[in-house]
Amino acid sequence: MEPGLLSLGGLFLLTLFSEDAAVLSGGFLATEHPSSWWGIFLACFLGVWLGDIALFLLARIFGKAFINLLFRDQNRVASKLAHSEEWFRRYGPMALIGSRFLPGMRLITYLSAGLLRMKITTFASITGIAAAFWVAGIFWIVKKMGQQAPGLFQLLRTHLAFAVLAMIGIIILPHLLPRAMQVFTQGKLLRKFRQWEFWPASIFYLPVAINYIRLALIHRSLTLPSSANPGMFTGGLIGESKYETLRDLQQTSPEFIAQSHLIPKASEAEGGENRLSLFKAILAQGKLTFPLVFKPDIGQRGSGFKVIHSLEKAAQYLQSVPLPIVAQQYIPGPNEVGIFYYRFPHESKGRILAMTEKIFPMLIGDGRSTLEELILADPRAALIAETYLKRFCDQKNRVLPAGEAFRLVEAGNHIQGCIFANGMRFWSKELEERVDEISQKIGGFFIGRYDVRYSSPELLVQGKGFHILELNGASAEATSAYDASQKLSEAYRLLFCQWDLVFAIGAANRKLGHRPDSAWKILSAWNAYRTMSICHPQAD
């Protein structure tokens, strides 16, 4: 029986799920029914070709919005896309033809063509011709080889892939090898590999992510950590207000809290001038004095942290950041420590899991070298020179006088350039009891990290003489894991232990009736934060 419209329609739809299976099936069908060859060929060809165009249109319509969602620096993204579009105009047709015959390359090439604004007529013409040759070629292999065709087809694809990759390697390797050797011999790449604290997050956090999935399977909930702190928005995973937590702390333990005030979001009715007036009123009432700190009310990893020294700088910040801002008393310290605390709901006392000593790197001038030269000459600073030079772009050519100390970072955050070390030498029974006392006064808080500044280690050990700058919830890290003097295995041991506790406390609270937030709520909060953080200024 000749294949009818139902069979041809099924073949067409199959190409949308597996092109190879559909076209091979079409080849066998065409061999059995040569009189229907053209109908079968068209069903396979149209399925393949229209599937290619659908991928192109998907990236064309939604691609840039997705890219903007992932990356904060919109100007840099636009520049990179413009450069890529120019490249695709020159070499895109060749890439499209090659991708049709190179396994694994079609998806990324067709999406790139849509994202990089290739003309749809050009794309449709090239992919149409390539798809026609592709389908016809497979039909021919099936006719000649019969049941051996699938095995031969896979063998040819594998060999073709190796051949194409080998050709690419022969062409590109001679150009890349000298540069790679230069970078490696300069030592920066080698040093960065050895110092795992600077590994890209996508690499460093992979074991942590796998452990998270393991815990989610054990506890049967991907979002269970949102129940760890019922008193915080999403449990402190994302989107929680710094000011709301600080306000609770100021009401319950005012002697240990850096004075903080909220400057609300600028609306069309208020405008920047009214926000500045509100800030001036705070100053006039003596609640804050210069220097002070501005930071976004919803922020991560020190993003947008600025030390403000004048009314002019305050006005600039408020003008450029229309989001809710926390204006906070500047605590000079000069020392800072992160204290990771936890308590199970059924326990009467909490504990300190880890403490992080935060070291603010300094450079000493020699009277000859510029700030940029000093940064690049420092073994550690050179590894994150881009962060420091971006922060001090207006000072990088200044020659530091001999003996002058220059502080490279104000925010006690590793990603901003602060050095983290194991701080458990400051642990004491008195300090743990003080932190527990403060924590138990906060409704619905069970696990997280306090960022604390202090002047006297002796007083800190006694549980006195410190000021809390922030309290972070479920997504806070036991940051002493980033102590570069310890083994990588110790870092993961601590981070695994931290997430074990977050899930376990979340499970305990779930039994008490605190349901985890939905994945949609958490993703929406993350998306909102990514959108808002675009306007955050470079942190101090």
Protein backbone atom coordinates (compact mmCIF):
# COMPACT_ATOMS: atom_id res chain seq x y z
CA MET A 1 0.00 0.00 0.00
CA GLU A 2 1.34 3.39 -0.99
CA PRO A 3 1.90 5.82 1.92
CA GLY A 4 -1.03 8.19 2.40
CA LEU A 5 -1.28 11.71 3.76
CA LEU A 6 -1.36 10.41 7.35
CA SER A 7 1.94 8.57 6.90
CA LEU A 8 3.55 11.55 5.17
CA GLY A 9 2.26 13.88 7.89
CA GLY A 10 3.72 11.61 10.56
CA LEU A 11 7.06 11.63 8.73
CA PHE A 12 6.94 15.42 8.56
CA LEU A 13 6.28 15.71 12.30
CA LEU A 14 8.99 13.17 13.14
CA THR A 15 11.63 15.46 11.58
CA LEU A 16 10.85 18.02 14.30
CA PHE A 17 11.94 15.52 16.96
CA SER A 18 14.70 13.56 15.21
CA GLU A 19 15.79 14.54 11.72
CA ASP A 20 18.09 11.56 11.26
CA ALA A 21 15.46 8.99 12.28
CA ALA A 22 12.81 10.65 10.09
CA VAL A 23 15.00 10.92 6.99
CA LEU A 24 16.33 7.36 7.35
CA SER A 25 12.75 6.10 7.74
CA GLY A 26 11.77 8.16 4.70
CA GLY A 27 14.62 6.60 2.74
CA PHE A 28 13.44 3.06 3.50
CA LEU A 29 9.86 4.04 2.68
CA ALA A 30 10.93 5.60 -0.63
CA THR A 31 12.90 2.45 -1.52
CA GLU A 32 9.85 0.29 -0.88
CA HIS A 33 7.50 2.67 -2.75
CA PRO A 34 9.49 4.34 -5.55
CA SER A 35 6.33 5.75 -7.12
CA SER A 36 5.82 7.88 -3.98
CA TRP A 37 9.44 9.03 -3.89
CA TRP A 38 8.69 12.71 -4.45
CA GLY A 39 5.93 12.86 -1.84
CA ILE A 40 8.13 11.17 0.75
CA PHE A 41 11.08 13.39 -0.17
CA LEU A 42 8.95 16.55 0.18
CA ALA A 43 7.60 15.45 3.58
CA CYS A 44 11.13 14.94 4.89
CA PHE A 45 12.59 18.01 3.18
CA LEU A 46 9.84 20.38 4.35
CA GLY A 47 10.04 19.05 7.90
CA VAL A 48 13.82 19.55 7.99
CA TRP A 49 13.76 22.94 6.26
CA LEU A 50 10.85 24.43 8.20
CA GLY A 51 12.41 23.18 11.45
CA ASP A 52 15.58 25.09 10.54
CA ILE A 53 13.58 28.25 9.85
CA ALA A 54 11.69 27.87 13.14
CA LEU A 55 15.00 27.83 15.07
CA PHE A 56 16.12 30.91 13.14
CA LEU A 57 12.90 32.81 13.93
CA LEU A 58 13.00 31.78 17.58
CA ALA A 59 16.42 33.36 18.01
CA ARG A 60 15.49 36.33 15.82
CA ILE A 61 12.46 37.22 17.95
CA PHE A 62 13.57 36.31 21.47
CA GLY A 63 17.36 36.06 21.27
CA LYS A 64 18.41 39.58 22.24
CA ALA A 65 15.90 39.76 25.09
CA PHE A 66 17.33 36.51 26.48
CA ILE A 67 20.93 37.76 26.14
CA ASN A 68 20.02 41.01 27.92
CA LEU A 69 18.49 38.96 30.72
CA LEU A 70 21.72 37.02 31.23
CA PHE A 71 24.21 39.88 31.08
CA ARG A 72 24.18 43.16 33.00
CA ASP A 73 26.55 45.24 30.86
CA GLN A 74 24.22 46.11 28.00
CA ASN A 75 26.70 48.38 26.19
CA ARG A 76 29.33 45.65 26.12
CA VAL A 77 26.77 43.09 24.94
CA ALA A 78 25.64 45.40 22.12
CA SER A 79 29.26 45.93 21.06
CA LYS A 80 29.98 42.19 21.03
CA LEU A 81 26.81 41.46 19.07
CA ALA A 82 27.64 44.13 16.48
CA HIS A 83 31.10 42.61 16.00
CA SER A 84 29.59 39.11 15.69
CA GLU A 85 27.01 40.33 13.17
CA GLU A 86 29.80 41.66 10.97
CA TRP A 87 31.60 38.31 11.18
CA PHE A 88 28.40 36.42 10.33
CA ARG A 89 27.77 38.61 7.32
CA ARG A 90 31.12 37.48 5.92
CA TYR A 91 31.32 33.85 6.95
CA GLY A 92 27.75 32.94 7.89
CA PRO A 93 26.86 31.20 4.58
CA MET A 94 29.89 28.90 4.89
CA ALA A 95 29.03 28.19 8.53
CA LEU A 96 25.46 27.27 7.60
CA ILE A 97 26.55 24.85 4.87
CA GLY A 98 29.17 23.23 7.13
CA SER A 99 26.80 22.90 10.07
CA ARG A 100 24.30 20.88 8.02
CA PHE A 101 26.90 18.13 7.61
CA LEU A 102 28.73 18.48 10.95
CA PRO A 103 27.02 16.71 13.87
CA GLY A 104 26.02 18.85 16.81
CA MET A 105 26.56 22.20 15.06
CA ARG A 106 23.19 22.89 13.45
CA LEU A 107 21.36 24.10 16.55
CA ILE A 108 23.96 26.63 17.65
CA THR A 109 24.64 27.85 14.08
CA TYR A 110 20.97 28.37 13.19
CA LEU A 111 20.25 30.11 16.49
CA SER A 112 23.30 32.33 15.94
CA ALA A 113 22.06 33.22 12.46
CA GLY A 114 18.77 34.42 13.93
CA LEU A 115 20.38 36.26 16.83
CA LEU A 116 22.91 37.99 14.57
CA ARG A 117 20.25 39.29 12.18
CA MET A 118 21.14 37.33 9.05
CA LYS A 119 18.70 38.05 6.22
CA ILE A 120 15.92 35.48 6.33
CA THR A 121 15.98 35.13 2.54
CA THR A 122 19.68 34.27 2.65
CA PHE A 123 19.19 31.84 5.50
CA ALA A 124 16.18 30.16 3.89
CA SER A 125 17.94 29.79 0.53
CA ILE A 126 21.13 28.27 1.95
CA THR A 127 19.43 25.94 4.41
CA GLY A 128 16.87 24.92 1.78
CA ILE A 129 19.55 23.86 -0.69
CA ALA A 130 21.59 22.14 2.04
CA ALA A 131 18.51 20.31 3.37
CA ALA A 132 17.58 19.12 -0.13
CA PHE A 133 21.06 17.67 -0.72
CA TRP A 134 21.06 16.18 2.79
CA VAL A 135 17.74 14.37 2.40
CA ALA A 136 18.52 13.22 -1.14
CA GLY A 137 21.93 11.96 -0.04
CA ILE A 138 20.49 9.88 2.78
CA PHE A 139 17.82 8.47 0.44
CA TRP A 140 20.61 7.44 -1.95
CA ILE A 141 22.63 5.76 0.87
CA VAL A 142 19.55 3.82 1.98
CA LYS A 143 18.81 2.67 -1.58
CA LYS A 144 22.38 1.46 -2.14
CA MET A 145 23.10 -0.06 1.28
CA GLY A 146 19.70 -1.26 2.46
CA GLN A 147 19.64 -2.35 6.11
CA GLN A 148 23.32 -1.44 6.50
CA ALA A 149 22.53 2.21 5.76
CA PRO A 150 21.97 3.42 9.38
CA GLY A 151 25.33 2.02 10.51
CA LEU A 152 27.14 3.46 7.50
CA PHE A 153 25.36 6.78 7.95
CA GLN A 154 26.55 7.09 11.57
CA LEU A 155 30.08 6.05 10.58
CA LEU A 156 30.22 8.66 7.83
CA ARG A 157 28.95 11.37 10.19
CA THR A 158 31.56 10.48 12.82
CA HIS A 159 34.41 10.45 10.31
CA LEU A 160 33.17 13.66 8.75
CA ALA A 161 33.07 15.34 12.16
CA PHE A 162 36.64 14.29 12.93
CA ALA A 163 37.80 15.44 9.51
CA VAL A 164 36.20 18.87 9.85
CA LEU A 165 37.53 19.35 13.39
CA ALA A 166 41.00 18.30 12.25
CA MET A 167 40.88 20.85 9.41
CA ILE A 168 39.78 23.58 11.82
CA GLY A 169 42.62 22.62 14.16
CA ILE A 170 45.21 22.71 11.35
CA ILE A 171 44.04 26.17 10.31
CA ILE A 172 43.63 27.75 13.75
CA LEU A 173 46.25 26.07 15.94
CA PRO A 174 49.31 27.80 14.42
CA HIS A 175 47.69 31.17 15.20
CA LEU A 176 46.60 30.30 18.73
CA LEU A 177 49.64 28.35 19.92
CA PRO A 178 52.12 31.28 20.12
CA ARG A 179 49.61 33.41 22.04
CA ALA A 180 48.73 30.54 24.37
CA MET A 181 52.40 29.87 25.09
CA GLN A 182 52.98 33.58 25.74
CA VAL A 183 50.10 33.77 28.23
CA PHE A 184 51.14 30.53 29.93
CA THR A 185 54.83 31.47 30.20
CA GLN A 186 53.91 34.84 31.67
CA GLY A 187 52.51 32.80 34.55
CA LYS A 188 49.12 34.49 34.93
CA LEU A 189 47.14 31.58 33.52
CA LEU A 190 49.12 29.07 35.56
CA ARG A 191 48.76 31.10 38.75
CA LYS A 192 45.04 31.55 38.18
CA PHE A 193 44.63 27.80 37.69
CA ARG A 194 46.52 27.05 40.88
CA GLN A 195 44.57 29.65 42.88
CA TRP A 196 41.17 27.99 42.73
CA GLU A 197 39.54 30.92 44.56
CA PHE A 198 39.54 32.72 41.18
CA TRP A 199 38.12 29.91 39.10
CA PRO A 200 35.05 30.87 37.02
CA ALA A 201 31.83 30.33 38.95
CA SER A 202 30.56 27.91 36.27
CA ILE A 203 33.49 25.61 37.10
CA PHE A 204 33.87 26.14 40.84
CA TYR A 205 30.18 25.74 41.67
CA LEU A 206 29.56 22.63 39.56
CA PRO A 207 30.13 20.19 42.48
CA VAL A 208 28.02 22.47 44.72
CA ALA A 209 25.20 22.41 42.14
CA ILE A 210 25.38 18.61 41.90
CA ASN A 211 25.21 18.38 45.69
CA TYR A 212 22.22 20.76 45.68
CA ILE A 213 20.38 18.47 43.24
CA ARG A 214 21.26 15.47 45.43
CA LEU A 215 19.75 17.19 48.46
CA ALA A 216 16.69 18.27 46.48
CA LEU A 217 16.06 14.64 45.48
CA ILE A 218 16.53 13.42 49.05
CA HIS A 219 14.12 16.02 50.44
CA ARG A 220 11.76 15.90 47.41
CA SER A 221 11.83 19.66 46.85
CA LEU A 222 14.00 21.86 44.67
CA THR A 223 12.99 25.01 46.55
CA LEU A 224 13.08 23.68 50.11
CA PRO A 225 15.80 26.21 51.17
CA SER A 226 13.12 28.93 50.90
CA SER A 227 11.60 27.43 54.07
CA ALA A 228 14.86 27.67 56.02
CA ASN A 229 14.05 31.25 57.11
CA PRO A 230 10.26 31.73 57.07
CA GLY A 231 10.65 35.33 58.21
CA MET A 232 12.58 36.32 55.06
CA PHE A 233 11.36 36.71 51.49
CA THR A 234 12.19 33.38 49.73
CA GLY A 235 14.02 32.43 52.92
CA GLY A 236 16.85 34.71 51.89
CA LEU A 237 17.57 32.90 48.62
CA ILE A 238 17.03 35.95 46.40
CA GLY A 239 15.16 39.24 46.47
CA GLU A 240 15.06 39.82 50.22
CA SER A 241 15.19 43.40 51.53
CA LYS A 242 18.37 44.30 53.42
CA TYR A 243 16.58 47.13 55.16
CA GLU A 244 13.72 45.00 56.50
CA THR A 245 16.21 42.69 58.18
CA LEU A 246 18.30 45.59 59.47
CA ARG A 247 15.15 47.28 60.78
CA ASP A 248 14.28 44.16 62.76
CA LEU A 249 17.81 44.06 64.14
CA GLN A 250 17.73 47.76 65.04
CA GLN A 251 14.52 47.22 66.99
CA THR A 252 15.79 44.19 68.90
CA SER A 253 19.57 44.71 69.23
CA PRO A 254 20.26 48.39 68.43
CA GLU A 255 23.65 48.50 70.16
CA PHE A 256 25.08 46.00 67.66
CA ILE A 257 23.68 47.43 64.43
CA ALA A 258 25.08 50.02 62.04
CA GLN A 259 22.39 52.71 61.81
CA SER A 260 20.48 52.26 58.54
CA HIS A 261 17.73 54.19 56.74
CA LEU A 262 15.73 53.40 53.63
CA ILE A 263 15.52 55.83 50.72
CA PRO A 264 12.57 54.51 48.70
CA LYS A 265 12.40 53.89 44.98
CA ALA A 266 12.14 56.93 42.79
CA SER A 267 8.72 57.21 41.20
CA GLU A 268 7.47 59.66 38.64
CA ALA A 269 5.72 61.56 41.39
CA GLU A 270 8.77 61.78 43.64
CA GLY A 271 11.70 62.15 41.27
CA GLY A 272 15.37 62.37 42.23
CA GLU A 273 15.04 65.76 43.95
CA ASN A 274 12.58 64.46 46.54
CA ARG A 275 14.83 61.49 47.31
CA LEU A 276 17.71 63.88 47.83
CA SER A 277 15.51 66.01 50.10
CA LEU A 278 14.69 62.94 52.15
CA PHE A 279 18.39 62.15 52.44
CA LYS A 280 19.15 65.74 53.47
CA ALA A 281 16.50 65.45 56.19
CA ILE A 282 18.23 62.32 57.52
CA LEU A 283 21.50 64.28 57.69
CA ALA A 284 19.84 67.34 59.27
CA GLN A 285 18.34 65.20 62.04
CA GLY A 286 21.81 63.88 62.86
CA LYS A 287 20.88 60.30 62.09
CA LEU A 288 23.84 59.92 59.70
CA THR A 289 27.03 61.85 58.93
CA PHE A 290 29.64 61.68 56.18
CA PRO A 291 31.24 59.37 55.30
CA LEU A 292 28.38 56.91 54.97
CA VAL A 293 27.46 53.96 52.81
CA PHE A 294 24.91 53.62 49.99
CA LYS A 295 23.91 50.18 48.75
CA PRO A 296 20.88 48.78 46.92
CA ASP A 297 18.21 47.44 49.25
CA ILE A 298 18.16 44.25 47.17
CA GLY A 299 21.68 43.27 46.27
CA GLN A 300 24.11 40.38 45.98
CA ARG A 301 27.88 40.04 46.39
CA GLY A 302 28.59 43.66 47.22
CA SER A 303 27.00 44.95 44.02
CA GLY A 304 26.46 48.73 44.07
CA PHE A 305 28.24 49.26 47.44
CA LYS A 306 29.59 52.83 47.66
CA VAL A 307 31.21 54.89 50.38
CA ILE A 308 29.72 58.39 50.07
CA HIS A 309 31.84 61.34 51.23
CA SER A 310 29.78 64.32 50.07
CA LEU A 311 26.32 65.55 49.21
CA GLU A 312 27.36 65.83 45.57
CA LYS A 313 28.31 62.12 45.43
CA ALA A 314 25.05 61.21 47.19
CA ALA A 315 23.05 63.15 44.58
CA GLN A 316 24.90 61.39 41.74
CA TYR A 317 24.19 57.97 43.24
CA LEU A 318 20.52 58.68 43.83
CA GLN A 319 20.17 60.02 40.31
CA SER A 320 21.80 56.98 38.67
CA VAL A 321 20.20 54.31 40.88
CA PRO A 322 16.39 54.81 41.00
CA LEU A 323 15.94 51.71 43.18
CA PRO A 324 15.34 51.56 46.95
CA ILE A 325 18.63 52.45 48.64
CA VAL A 326 19.94 51.68 52.12
CA ALA A 327 21.83 54.64 53.58
CA GLN A 328 23.99 53.22 56.35
CA GLN A 329 26.42 54.48 58.96
CA TYR A 330 30.00 53.91 57.79
CA ILE A 331 31.80 51.64 60.23
CA PRO A 332 35.54 52.07 59.64
CA GLY A 333 36.38 48.88 61.52
CA PRO A 334 39.10 48.55 60.35
CA ASN A 335 38.43 44.83 60.69
CA GLU A 336 35.57 42.76 59.28
CA VAL A 337 34.42 39.21 59.85
CA GLY A 338 31.66 37.03 58.41
CA ILE A 339 29.87 34.84 60.96
CA PHE A 340 27.81 31.92 59.62
CA TYR A 341 25.16 30.96 62.18
CA TYR A 342 22.50 28.26 62.31
CA ARG A 343 19.86 26.85 64.67
CA PHE A 344 17.25 24.13 64.18
CA PRO A 345 13.67 25.15 65.11
CA HIS A 346 13.48 22.61 67.95
CA GLU A 347 16.80 23.70 69.49
CA SER A 348 17.14 26.21 72.30
CA LYS A 349 20.62 27.33 71.25
CA GLY A 350 22.25 28.05 67.92
CA ARG A 351 25.84 27.61 66.78
CA ILE A 352 28.51 29.26 64.67
CA LEU A 353 29.42 26.98 61.76
CA ALA A 354 32.22 29.11 60.33
CA MET A 355 33.87 32.52 60.58
CA THR A 356 35.61 34.43 57.82
CA GLU A 357 38.36 36.95 58.46
CA LYS A 358 38.13 39.58 55.74
CA ILE A 359 41.40 41.17 54.68
CA PHE A 360 41.28 44.36 52.63
CA PRO A 361 44.30 44.31 50.29
CA MET A 362 46.61 47.33 50.32
CA LEU A 363 49.31 48.52 47.93
CA ILE A 364 52.29 50.59 49.07
CA GLY A 365 53.56 53.33 46.76
CA ASP A 366 57.23 53.51 45.76
CA GLY A 367 57.28 57.03 44.31
CA ARG A 368 57.89 55.72 40.79
CA SER A 369 55.12 53.30 39.78
CA THR A 370 51.58 54.15 38.79
CA LEU A 371 48.65 52.51 40.53
CA GLU A 372 48.09 50.33 37.46
CA GLU A 373 51.71 49.19 37.49
CA LEU A 374 51.52 48.37 41.20
CA ILE A 375 48.36 46.32 40.68
CA LEU A 376 49.85 44.36 37.79
CA ALA A 377 53.07 43.76 39.74
CA ASP A 378 51.24 42.33 42.76
CA PRO A 379 50.98 38.49 42.42
CA ARG A 380 47.41 38.32 43.73
CA ALA A 381 46.01 41.67 42.59
CA ALA A 382 47.17 40.97 39.04
CA LEU A 383 44.81 37.99 38.85
CA ILE A 384 41.77 40.25 39.24
CA ALA A 385 43.36 43.40 37.87
CA GLU A 386 40.32 44.07 35.69
CA THR A 387 38.14 44.52 38.79
CA TYR A 388 40.56 46.90 40.48
CA LEU A 389 41.39 48.92 37.37
CA LYS A 390 37.72 49.37 36.55
CA ARG A 391 37.12 50.61 40.09
CA PHE A 392 40.01 53.09 39.95
CA CYS A 393 39.94 53.95 36.25
CA ASP A 394 40.37 57.65 37.04
CA GLN A 395 43.41 57.00 39.25
CA LYS A 396 45.26 54.21 37.48
CA ASN A 397 47.91 56.58 36.06
CA ARG A 398 48.57 58.29 39.40
CA VAL A 399 52.03 57.70 40.86
CA LEU A 400 51.71 56.78 44.53
CA PRO A 401 54.22 58.57 46.78
CA ALA A 402 56.73 56.33 48.51
CA GLY A 403 55.17 54.71 51.56
CA GLU A 404 51.58 55.72 50.78
CA ALA A 405 49.10 52.91 51.49
CA PHE A 406 46.30 52.48 48.96
CA ARG A 407 43.26 50.33 49.84
CA LEU A 408 41.95 48.38 46.87
CA VAL A 409 38.45 47.54 48.12
CA GLU A 410 35.91 48.73 50.68
CA ALA A 411 33.21 46.08 50.25
CA GLY A 412 33.94 42.96 52.27
CA ASN A 413 33.14 40.71 49.34
CA HIS A 414 35.40 38.23 47.60
CA ILE A 415 34.15 38.98 44.11
CA GLN A 416 34.97 42.66 44.69
CA GLY A 417 38.57 41.78 45.59
CA CYS A 418 38.51 41.23 49.35
CA ILE A 419 40.69 38.40 50.69
CA PHE A 420 38.98 35.72 52.77
CA ALA A 421 40.67 33.63 55.43
CA ASN A 422 39.48 31.16 58.04
CA GLY A 423 38.48 33.26 61.04
CA MET A 424 37.61 30.56 63.58
CA ARG A 425 40.49 31.80 65.74
CA PHE A 426 38.02 34.50 66.84
CA TRP A 427 35.43 31.96 67.94
CA SER A 428 34.55 31.95 71.61
CA LYS A 429 31.68 30.73 73.73
CA GLU A 430 30.84 34.36 74.59
CA LEU A 431 30.70 35.44 70.94
CA GLU A 432 28.58 32.43 69.97
CA GLU A 433 26.13 33.14 72.79
CA ARG A 434 25.91 36.81 71.75
CA VAL A 435 25.21 35.95 68.11
CA ASP A 436 22.63 33.38 69.22
CA GLU A 437 20.96 35.94 71.49
CA ILE A 438 20.72 38.46 68.63
CA SER A 439 19.46 35.81 66.20
CA GLN A 440 16.70 34.46 68.40
CA LYS A 441 15.15 37.91 68.61
CA ILE A 442 14.55 37.90 64.84
CA GLY A 443 11.30 36.14 63.99
CA GLY A 444 11.63 33.35 61.45
CA PHE A 445 15.43 33.40 61.16
CA PHE A 446 17.42 30.16 61.54
CA ILE A 447 20.42 30.17 59.23
CA GLY A 448 22.57 32.76 57.49
CA ARG A 449 25.65 34.96 57.66
CA TYR A 450 26.28 38.16 59.59
CA ASP A 451 28.77 40.63 58.12
CA VAL A 452 30.34 42.40 61.07
CA ARG A 453 32.90 45.18 61.52
CA TYR A 454 34.94 45.65 64.69
CA SER A 455 38.01 47.51 65.93
CA SER A 456 39.26 45.27 68.72
CA PRO A 457 39.74 41.50 68.35
CA GLU A 458 39.78 41.23 72.14
CA LEU A 459 36.33 42.81 72.41
CA LEU A 460 34.98 40.71 69.54
CA VAL A 461 36.01 37.52 71.31
CA GLN A 462 34.12 38.76 74.37
CA GLY A 463 31.00 39.29 72.25
CA LYS A 464 31.30 43.07 72.43
CA GLY A 465 32.35 46.09 70.38
CA PHE A 466 31.07 45.05 66.94
CA HIS A 467 28.50 46.37 64.47
CA ILE A 468 26.43 44.28 62.07
CA LEU A 469 26.41 45.61 58.51
CA GLU A 470 24.14 42.95 56.97
CA LEU A 471 22.42 39.67 57.63
CA ASN A 472 22.04 37.34 54.65
CA GLY A 473 19.78 34.31 54.57
CA ALA A 474 19.66 30.90 52.90
CA SER A 475 21.86 31.73 49.92
CA ALA A 476 24.60 33.25 52.11
CA GLU A 477 27.83 31.29 52.06
CA ALA A 478 30.23 30.19 54.74
CA THR A 479 32.80 32.35 52.99
CA SER A 480 35.84 30.98 54.81
CA ALA A 481 35.58 28.27 52.14
CA TYR A 482 37.46 30.75 49.92
CA ASP A 483 40.57 30.70 52.10
CA ALA A 484 43.20 30.04 49.43
CA SER A 485 45.62 28.58 51.98
CA GLN A 486 43.44 25.51 52.48
CA LYS A 487 42.81 22.57 50.18
CA LEU A 488 40.04 22.70 47.61
CA SER A 489 38.50 19.60 49.21
CA GLU A 490 38.13 21.53 52.48
CA ALA A 491 36.32 24.34 50.67
CA TYR A 492 33.81 21.91 49.19
CA ARG A 493 33.42 20.08 52.52
CA LEU A 494 32.35 23.34 54.17
CA LEU A 495 30.01 24.40 51.36
CA PHE A 496 28.41 20.95 51.25
CA CYS A 497 27.91 21.07 55.02
CA GLN A 498 26.33 24.53 54.75
CA TRP A 499 23.77 23.38 52.15
CA ASP A 500 23.10 20.18 54.11
CA LEU A 501 22.09 22.43 57.02
CA VAL A 502 19.98 24.75 54.85
CA PHE A 503 17.98 21.80 53.47
CA ALA A 504 17.69 20.11 56.87
CA ILE A 505 16.42 23.28 58.56
CA GLY A 506 14.07 23.88 55.62
CA ALA A 507 12.72 20.34 56.08
CA ALA A 508 12.21 20.94 59.81
CA ASN A 509 10.28 24.14 59.11
CA ARG A 510 8.23 22.38 56.42
CA LYS A 511 7.08 19.91 59.08
CA LEU A 512 5.96 22.90 61.13
CA GLY A 513 3.76 24.10 58.25
CA HIS A 514 6.07 26.49 56.38
CA ARG A 515 5.62 25.53 52.75
CA PRO A 516 8.52 26.18 50.33
CA ASP A 517 8.04 28.92 47.75
CA SER A 518 7.30 27.93 44.19
CA ALA A 519 10.08 27.72 41.63
CA TRP A 520 8.24 30.39 39.64
CA LYS A 521 8.36 32.85 42.55
CA ILE A 522 12.09 32.31 43.03
CA LEU A 523 12.86 32.56 39.31
CA SER A 524 10.74 35.71 39.06
CA ALA A 525 12.66 37.24 41.97
CA TRP A 526 15.96 36.31 40.32
CA ASN A 527 14.84 37.79 37.00
CA ALA A 528 13.68 40.99 38.73
CA TYR A 529 17.03 41.31 40.49
CA ARG A 530 18.99 40.77 37.26
CA THR A 531 16.93 43.49 35.60
CA MET A 532 17.32 45.95 38.48
CA SER A 533 21.03 45.33 39.00
CA ILE A 534 21.85 46.70 35.55
CA CYS A 535 21.94 50.20 37.03
CA HIS A 536 24.16 49.29 40.00
CA PRO A 537 27.38 51.32 39.93
CA GLN A 538 30.88 49.85 40.25
CA ALA A 539 31.35 48.84 43.88
CA ASP A 540 34.01 50.44 46.06
